[in-house]
Amino acid sequence: MSADDDRRVVRRAALRVGTLVAGASAVAIAVGVGVLVSVLVAQARTEGSGRHGPGGAPTGDRFVVDLDDVLPWVIGLGLVGVVVLGLVGSAAARWSVRPLDEALRRQRAFVSDASHELRTPLTALTSRIQIVQRRLHRGEPADEPLDQLRRDAQIMDDVLADMLLTAESEVHTGTARVDDSVRAATDALASLADDAGVHLRPGALTNATVAVPAVTVVRMCTALLDNAIGHTPAGSEVTITADADEREVVVRVEDGGSGIRDDDLPRIFERFARGAESGRRRGFGLGLALVREAATRYGGSIEVERTSPTGTVFALRLPRAS
């Protein structure tokens, strides 16, 4: 949301709160006055005035109310009014801060998402820089790792742009070829896999196009591969494949880890959920949750297709572009 949108939300909230307080106060006062008038009428008694008007004619009876009978009602109605208006004020206060609560929630979500999404590209950049330094120290050409550094920096820029659009509740439209996106993700994580002693192997990849922006597909594939590398022991391999039918493309990532425990499966895609065995690198439990949120946003899904003590397969389903 833009600053103008935020101001409009605050103004609407203030108008709603003012209307609520004014309406509730008017109703409380009207009900109190009505009850008080009813009590006065019910408690009133008539007495002869004993007075005479002009010409000696009697002026008639008058209504008399005992203060002792009415005073408890006045005090009780006053206390009830105070309680009612206090409850209305409390409700109005909660209503008025709801936009602020939503803004703080979005801010916290963006900070945690950015911390997680940028962690892997930054780690990859560090590995690329070390490769460049070693090659330069040995007097070897460094053109290839420098090109990779440039691509990694572009990926980070695209990720930030996509996250900003998501934080503003906007859907970034576009399409992507799945094989290109998968290769971009595997290239970005190749150095991390090498450092972990894990063999990252792309399998058969369809060239089908999905109705999801390329940067988002790369983000989802990167998160799945990063999760797989973190749960695969050294000397094992992580594979990624993609096939398609008429309606959707399915990207499968298989790791060589110890599987997911049964009691962890129901919450594996929740934010900040971490299993009993969280892998070699300490994370924040956000990767799979972000994949699910992104896939759902574009009409896709993510699921644990198979898990066992020899590994786990995640299936990412995305709609094909028409």
Protein backbone atom coordinates (compact mmCIF):
# COMPACT_ATOMS: atom_id res chain seq x y z
CA MET A 1 0.00 0.00 0.00
CA SER A 2 1.17 3.53 -0.76
CA ALA A 3 1.31 6.42 1.71
CA ASP A 4 -1.92 7.85 0.27
CA ASP A 5 -3.63 4.47 0.74
CA ASP A 6 -2.43 4.37 4.35
CA ARG A 7 -3.82 7.85 4.99
CA ARG A 8 -7.17 6.89 3.48
CA VAL A 9 -7.31 3.80 5.70
CA VAL A 10 -6.58 5.90 8.80
CA ARG A 11 -9.22 8.49 7.85
CA ARG A 12 -11.83 5.79 7.28
CA ALA A 13 -10.97 4.19 10.62
CA ALA A 14 -11.27 7.58 12.39
CA LEU A 15 -14.64 8.21 10.73
CA ARG A 16 -15.91 4.77 11.75
CA VAL A 17 -14.76 5.28 15.34
CA GLY A 18 -16.34 8.75 15.55
CA THR A 19 -19.62 7.44 14.15
CA LEU A 20 -19.59 4.49 16.55
CA VAL A 21 -18.93 6.63 19.63
CA ALA A 22 -21.49 9.29 18.65
CA GLY A 23 -24.18 6.72 17.81
CA ALA A 24 -23.59 4.66 20.93
CA SER A 25 -23.61 7.78 23.13
CA ALA A 26 -26.87 8.98 21.56
CA VAL A 27 -28.51 5.60 22.08
CA ALA A 28 -27.27 5.36 25.68
CA ILE A 29 -28.53 8.87 26.49
CA ALA A 30 -31.90 8.26 24.81
CA VAL A 31 -32.41 4.96 26.63
CA GLY A 32 -31.35 6.53 29.95
CA VAL A 33 -33.69 9.48 29.56
CA GLY A 34 -36.54 7.16 28.53
CA VAL A 35 -36.05 4.91 31.54
CA LEU A 36 -35.78 7.89 33.87
CA VAL A 37 -38.99 9.45 32.51
CA SER A 38 -40.78 6.11 32.89
CA VAL A 39 -39.61 5.84 36.51
CA LEU A 40 -40.71 9.38 37.24
CA VAL A 41 -44.16 8.72 35.80
CA ALA A 42 -44.47 5.42 37.66
CA GLN A 43 -43.39 6.92 41.00
CA ALA A 44 -45.37 10.14 40.69
CA ARG A 45 -48.53 10.72 42.75
CA THR A 46 -51.11 13.47 42.52
CA GLU A 47 -51.91 15.90 45.28
CA GLY A 48 -54.34 18.77 45.44
CA SER A 49 -52.58 22.04 45.26
CA GLY A 50 -55.10 23.88 47.48
CA ARG A 51 -54.50 26.98 45.40
CA HIS A 52 -57.01 29.07 43.53
CA GLY A 53 -56.58 30.95 40.38
CA PRO A 54 -58.14 34.25 39.33
CA GLY A 55 -61.80 34.44 40.34
CA GLY A 56 -61.27 31.81 43.11
CA ALA A 57 -61.27 28.77 40.81
CA PRO A 58 -59.04 25.88 41.98
CA THR A 59 -55.86 25.36 39.93
CA GLY A 60 -56.14 21.52 40.02
CA ASP A 61 -53.86 18.68 41.15
CA ARG A 62 -50.07 18.51 40.87
CA PHE A 63 -47.66 15.56 40.40
CA VAL A 64 -45.25 14.86 43.26
CA VAL A 65 -42.21 12.54 43.16
CA ASP A 66 -40.30 11.47 46.27
CA LEU A 67 -36.57 12.02 45.88
CA ASP A 68 -35.81 8.89 47.92
CA ASP A 69 -37.64 6.76 45.35
CA VAL A 70 -36.03 8.31 42.29
CA LEU A 71 -32.44 8.87 43.49
CA PRO A 72 -31.37 5.17 43.33
CA TRP A 73 -32.63 5.00 39.74
CA VAL A 74 -30.69 8.12 38.78
CA ILE A 75 -27.48 6.76 40.34
CA GLY A 76 -27.98 3.30 38.81
CA LEU A 77 -28.64 4.72 35.34
CA GLY A 78 -25.57 6.91 35.65
CA LEU A 79 -23.37 3.93 36.55
CA VAL A 80 -24.82 1.83 33.73
CA GLY A 81 -24.19 4.69 31.32
CA VAL A 82 -20.57 4.96 32.44
CA VAL A 83 -20.06 1.20 31.96
CA VAL A 84 -21.75 1.19 28.54
CA LEU A 85 -19.75 4.17 27.29
CA GLY A 86 -16.57 2.59 28.69
CA LEU A 87 -17.25 -0.59 26.70
CA VAL A 88 -18.01 1.46 23.60
CA GLY A 89 -14.78 3.43 24.06
CA SER A 90 -12.79 0.20 24.47
CA ALA A 91 -14.31 -1.26 21.31
CA ALA A 92 -13.69 1.98 19.44
CA ALA A 93 -10.07 2.03 20.58
CA ARG A 94 -9.50 -1.52 19.33
CA TRP A 95 -11.19 -0.63 16.06
CA SER A 96 -9.12 2.50 15.65
CA VAL A 97 -5.76 0.71 16.10
CA ARG A 98 -6.66 -2.16 13.76
CA PRO A 99 -5.02 -0.45 10.72
CA LEU A 100 -1.88 0.13 12.80
CA ASP A 101 -1.87 -3.52 13.90
CA GLU A 102 -2.20 -4.63 10.28
CA ALA A 103 0.62 -2.31 9.23
CA LEU A 104 2.89 -3.65 11.99
CA ARG A 105 2.00 -7.22 11.02
CA ARG A 106 2.92 -6.54 7.39
CA GLN A 107 6.16 -4.87 8.49
CA ARG A 108 7.18 -7.80 10.70
CA ALA A 109 6.32 -10.26 7.94
CA PHE A 110 8.36 -8.30 5.39
CA VAL A 111 11.39 -8.10 7.69
CA SER A 112 11.33 -11.82 8.45
CA ASP A 113 10.69 -12.73 4.80
CA ALA A 114 13.48 -10.44 3.58
CA SER A 115 15.89 -11.86 6.17
CA HIS A 116 15.17 -15.37 4.94
CA GLU A 117 14.95 -14.69 1.20
CA LEU A 118 18.21 -12.70 1.07
CA ARG A 119 20.17 -15.08 3.29
CA THR A 120 20.72 -17.67 0.55
CA PRO A 121 21.69 -15.19 -2.24
CA LEU A 122 24.07 -13.42 0.15
CA THR A 123 25.68 -16.72 1.09
CA ALA A 124 26.02 -17.56 -2.60
CA LEU A 125 27.59 -14.14 -3.25
CA THR A 126 30.12 -14.76 -0.48
CA SER A 127 31.06 -18.11 -2.01
CA ARG A 128 31.44 -16.52 -5.47
CA ILE A 129 33.68 -13.79 -4.07
CA GLN A 130 35.89 -16.40 -2.41
CA ILE A 131 36.18 -18.23 -5.73
CA VAL A 132 37.15 -15.00 -7.48
CA GLN A 133 39.75 -14.23 -4.81
CA ARG A 134 41.30 -17.69 -5.10
CA ARG A 135 41.47 -17.46 -8.90
CA LEU A 136 42.98 -14.00 -8.82
CA HIS A 137 45.51 -15.13 -6.22
CA ARG A 138 46.56 -18.01 -8.49
CA GLY A 139 46.63 -15.74 -11.53
CA GLU A 140 43.73 -17.59 -13.20
CA PRO A 141 40.99 -15.89 -15.22
CA ALA A 142 37.92 -14.92 -13.18
CA ASP A 143 35.51 -13.94 -15.94
CA GLU A 144 33.10 -16.82 -15.32
CA PRO A 145 32.63 -16.31 -11.53
CA LEU A 146 32.36 -12.55 -12.11
CA ASP A 147 29.54 -13.17 -14.60
CA GLN A 148 27.90 -15.39 -12.00
CA LEU A 149 28.30 -12.64 -9.42
CA ARG A 150 26.52 -10.24 -11.73
CA ARG A 151 23.66 -12.73 -12.24
CA ASP A 152 23.40 -13.32 -8.48
CA ALA A 153 23.18 -9.58 -7.87
CA GLN A 154 20.42 -9.32 -10.49
CA ILE A 155 18.55 -12.17 -8.79
CA MET A 156 18.74 -10.31 -5.47
CA ASP A 157 17.38 -7.16 -7.11
CA ASP A 158 14.51 -9.12 -8.67
CA VAL A 159 13.73 -10.83 -5.35
CA LEU A 160 13.56 -7.50 -3.54
CA ALA A 161 11.26 -6.05 -6.21
CA ASP A 162 8.98 -9.09 -6.00
CA MET A 163 8.88 -8.91 -2.20
CA LEU A 164 8.03 -5.21 -2.23
CA LEU A 165 5.11 -5.88 -4.59
CA THR A 166 3.96 -8.70 -2.32
CA ALA A 167 4.20 -6.46 0.77
CA GLU A 168 2.00 -3.92 -1.00
CA SER A 169 -0.59 -6.66 -1.68
CA GLU A 170 -0.01 -6.46 -5.42
CA VAL A 171 0.20 -9.49 -7.69
CA HIS A 172 3.19 -9.32 -10.03
CA THR A 173 1.83 -10.76 -13.28
CA GLY A 174 3.97 -12.56 -15.81
CA THR A 175 4.98 -15.95 -17.19
CA ALA A 176 8.08 -18.09 -17.00
CA ARG A 177 9.65 -21.06 -18.74
CA VAL A 178 10.11 -23.67 -16.07
CA ASP A 179 13.40 -25.10 -17.34
CA ASP A 180 15.03 -21.66 -17.44
CA SER A 181 13.84 -20.85 -13.91
CA VAL A 182 15.03 -24.19 -12.52
CA ARG A 183 18.46 -23.76 -14.10
CA ALA A 184 18.73 -20.23 -12.66
CA ALA A 185 17.96 -21.62 -9.21
CA THR A 186 20.46 -24.49 -9.50
CA ASP A 187 23.16 -22.14 -10.80
CA ALA A 188 22.58 -19.80 -7.85
CA LEU A 189 22.95 -22.65 -5.34
CA ALA A 190 25.75 -24.59 -7.03
CA SER A 191 28.46 -23.11 -4.81
CA LEU A 192 26.42 -23.74 -1.64
CA ALA A 193 25.89 -27.36 -2.65
CA ASP A 194 29.64 -27.75 -3.32
CA ASP A 195 30.50 -26.29 0.09
CA ALA A 196 28.08 -28.75 1.73
CA GLY A 197 29.45 -31.70 -0.24
CA VAL A 198 26.07 -32.27 -1.86
CA HIS A 199 25.69 -33.07 -5.54
CA LEU A 200 22.97 -30.87 -7.07
CA ARG A 201 21.59 -32.65 -10.13
CA PRO A 202 18.90 -31.27 -12.46
CA GLY A 203 16.91 -34.05 -14.10
CA ALA A 204 14.41 -33.97 -16.95
CA LEU A 205 12.96 -30.47 -17.29
CA THR A 206 9.94 -29.45 -19.31
CA ASN A 207 10.08 -26.22 -21.30
CA ALA A 208 6.42 -25.50 -20.53
CA THR A 209 5.43 -21.97 -19.51
CA VAL A 210 3.60 -21.26 -16.26
CA ALA A 211 1.37 -18.30 -15.37
CA VAL A 212 3.80 -17.14 -12.68
CA PRO A 213 6.53 -14.46 -12.95
CA ALA A 214 10.00 -15.85 -13.53
CA VAL A 215 11.44 -14.23 -10.38
CA THR A 216 8.77 -15.93 -8.25
CA VAL A 217 9.42 -19.34 -9.83
CA VAL A 218 13.15 -18.90 -9.21
CA ARG A 219 12.44 -17.90 -5.60
CA MET A 220 10.31 -20.99 -5.00
CA CYS A 221 12.79 -23.36 -6.64
CA THR A 222 15.67 -21.76 -4.74
CA ALA A 223 13.86 -22.17 -1.42
CA LEU A 224 13.06 -25.82 -2.11
CA LEU A 225 16.62 -26.58 -3.21
CA ASP A 226 18.10 -24.68 -0.26
CA ASN A 227 15.89 -26.67 2.12
CA ALA A 228 16.93 -29.93 0.41
CA ILE A 229 20.64 -29.10 0.57
CA GLY A 230 20.35 -28.23 4.24
CA HIS A 231 18.78 -31.62 5.03
CA THR A 232 21.00 -33.81 2.83
CA PRO A 233 24.20 -35.31 4.26
CA ALA A 234 27.51 -34.78 2.53
CA GLY A 235 28.12 -37.26 -0.26
CA SER A 236 24.43 -37.51 -1.19
CA GLU A 237 22.56 -35.76 -3.97
CA VAL A 238 19.59 -33.47 -4.48
CA THR A 239 17.62 -33.80 -7.70
CA ILE A 240 15.09 -31.49 -9.29
CA THR A 241 12.78 -32.41 -12.16
CA ALA A 242 9.80 -30.81 -13.89
CA ASP A 243 7.06 -32.30 -16.03
CA ALA A 244 3.78 -30.95 -17.35
CA ASP A 245 0.30 -31.91 -18.45
CA GLU A 246 -2.41 -29.82 -20.07
CA ARG A 247 -3.29 -27.94 -16.87
CA GLU A 248 -0.20 -27.66 -14.69
CA VAL A 249 3.52 -28.08 -14.28
CA VAL A 250 4.90 -30.13 -11.40
CA VAL A 251 8.37 -29.36 -10.08
CA ARG A 252 9.74 -32.11 -7.83
CA VAL A 253 12.70 -31.68 -5.48
CA GLU A 254 14.09 -34.82 -3.84
CA ASP A 255 16.66 -34.77 -1.06
CA GLY A 256 18.72 -37.51 0.54
CA GLY A 257 17.87 -36.65 4.13
CA SER A 258 16.33 -38.69 6.93
CA GLY A 259 12.72 -37.77 6.11
CA ILE A 260 10.06 -35.79 7.97
CA ARG A 261 8.59 -37.05 11.22
CA ASP A 262 4.86 -37.78 11.26
CA ASP A 263 4.16 -35.20 13.97
CA ASP A 264 6.00 -32.51 11.94
CA LEU A 265 4.09 -33.08 8.69
CA PRO A 266 0.89 -31.15 9.63
CA ARG A 267 2.87 -27.96 10.33
CA ILE A 268 5.75 -28.26 7.87
CA PHE A 269 4.42 -25.34 5.78
CA GLU A 270 3.64 -23.03 8.73
CA ARG A 271 5.71 -19.94 9.41
CA PHE A 272 8.54 -20.45 11.93
CA ALA A 273 7.82 -24.18 12.09
CA ARG A 274 11.00 -26.18 12.55
CA GLY A 275 11.19 -29.92 12.88
CA ALA A 276 13.11 -31.84 15.49
CA GLU A 277 15.94 -32.20 12.95
CA SER A 278 16.28 -28.80 11.29
CA GLY A 279 19.25 -29.59 9.08
CA ARG A 280 22.90 -28.60 8.93
CA ARG A 281 22.27 -24.84 8.74
CA ARG A 282 20.20 -23.01 11.31
CA GLY A 283 17.15 -21.40 9.69
CA PHE A 284 14.02 -19.57 10.68
CA GLY A 285 11.37 -22.00 9.43
CA LEU A 286 10.22 -19.60 6.72
CA GLY A 287 11.33 -21.17 3.45
CA LEU A 288 8.57 -23.71 2.90
CA ALA A 289 5.94 -21.30 4.26
CA LEU A 290 6.99 -18.66 1.72
CA VAL A 291 6.86 -21.24 -1.08
CA ARG A 292 3.30 -22.15 -0.13
CA GLU A 293 2.22 -18.50 0.10
CA ALA A 294 3.72 -17.70 -3.32
CA ALA A 295 2.26 -20.82 -4.96
CA THR A 296 -1.19 -20.20 -3.50
CA ARG A 297 -1.10 -16.58 -4.64
CA TYR A 298 -0.89 -17.73 -8.26
CA GLY A 299 -3.30 -20.66 -8.01
CA GLY A 300 -0.69 -23.35 -7.35
CA SER A 301 0.17 -25.59 -4.41
CA ILE A 302 3.02 -27.34 -2.62
CA GLU A 303 2.90 -30.71 -0.89
CA VAL A 304 5.06 -33.43 0.58
CA GLU A 305 4.61 -36.10 -2.07
CA ARG A 306 6.72 -38.73 -0.34
CA THR A 307 8.93 -38.96 2.74
CA SER A 308 10.92 -41.83 4.23
CA PRO A 309 14.20 -42.41 6.11
CA THR A 310 15.96 -42.28 2.72
CA GLY A 311 14.67 -38.87 1.63
CA THR A 312 11.75 -36.55 0.94
CA VAL A 313 10.10 -35.39 -2.27
CA PHE A 314 8.36 -32.01 -2.44
CA ALA A 315 5.96 -31.41 -5.34
CA LEU A 316 5.38 -27.82 -6.45
CA ARG A 317 2.33 -27.49 -8.74
CA LEU A 318 1.92 -24.37 -10.87
CA PRO A 319 -0.77 -23.51 -13.45
CA ARG A 320 0.28 -23.50 -17.07
CA ALA A 321 0.05 -20.28 -19.03
CA SER A 322 -2.75 -20.25 -21.57
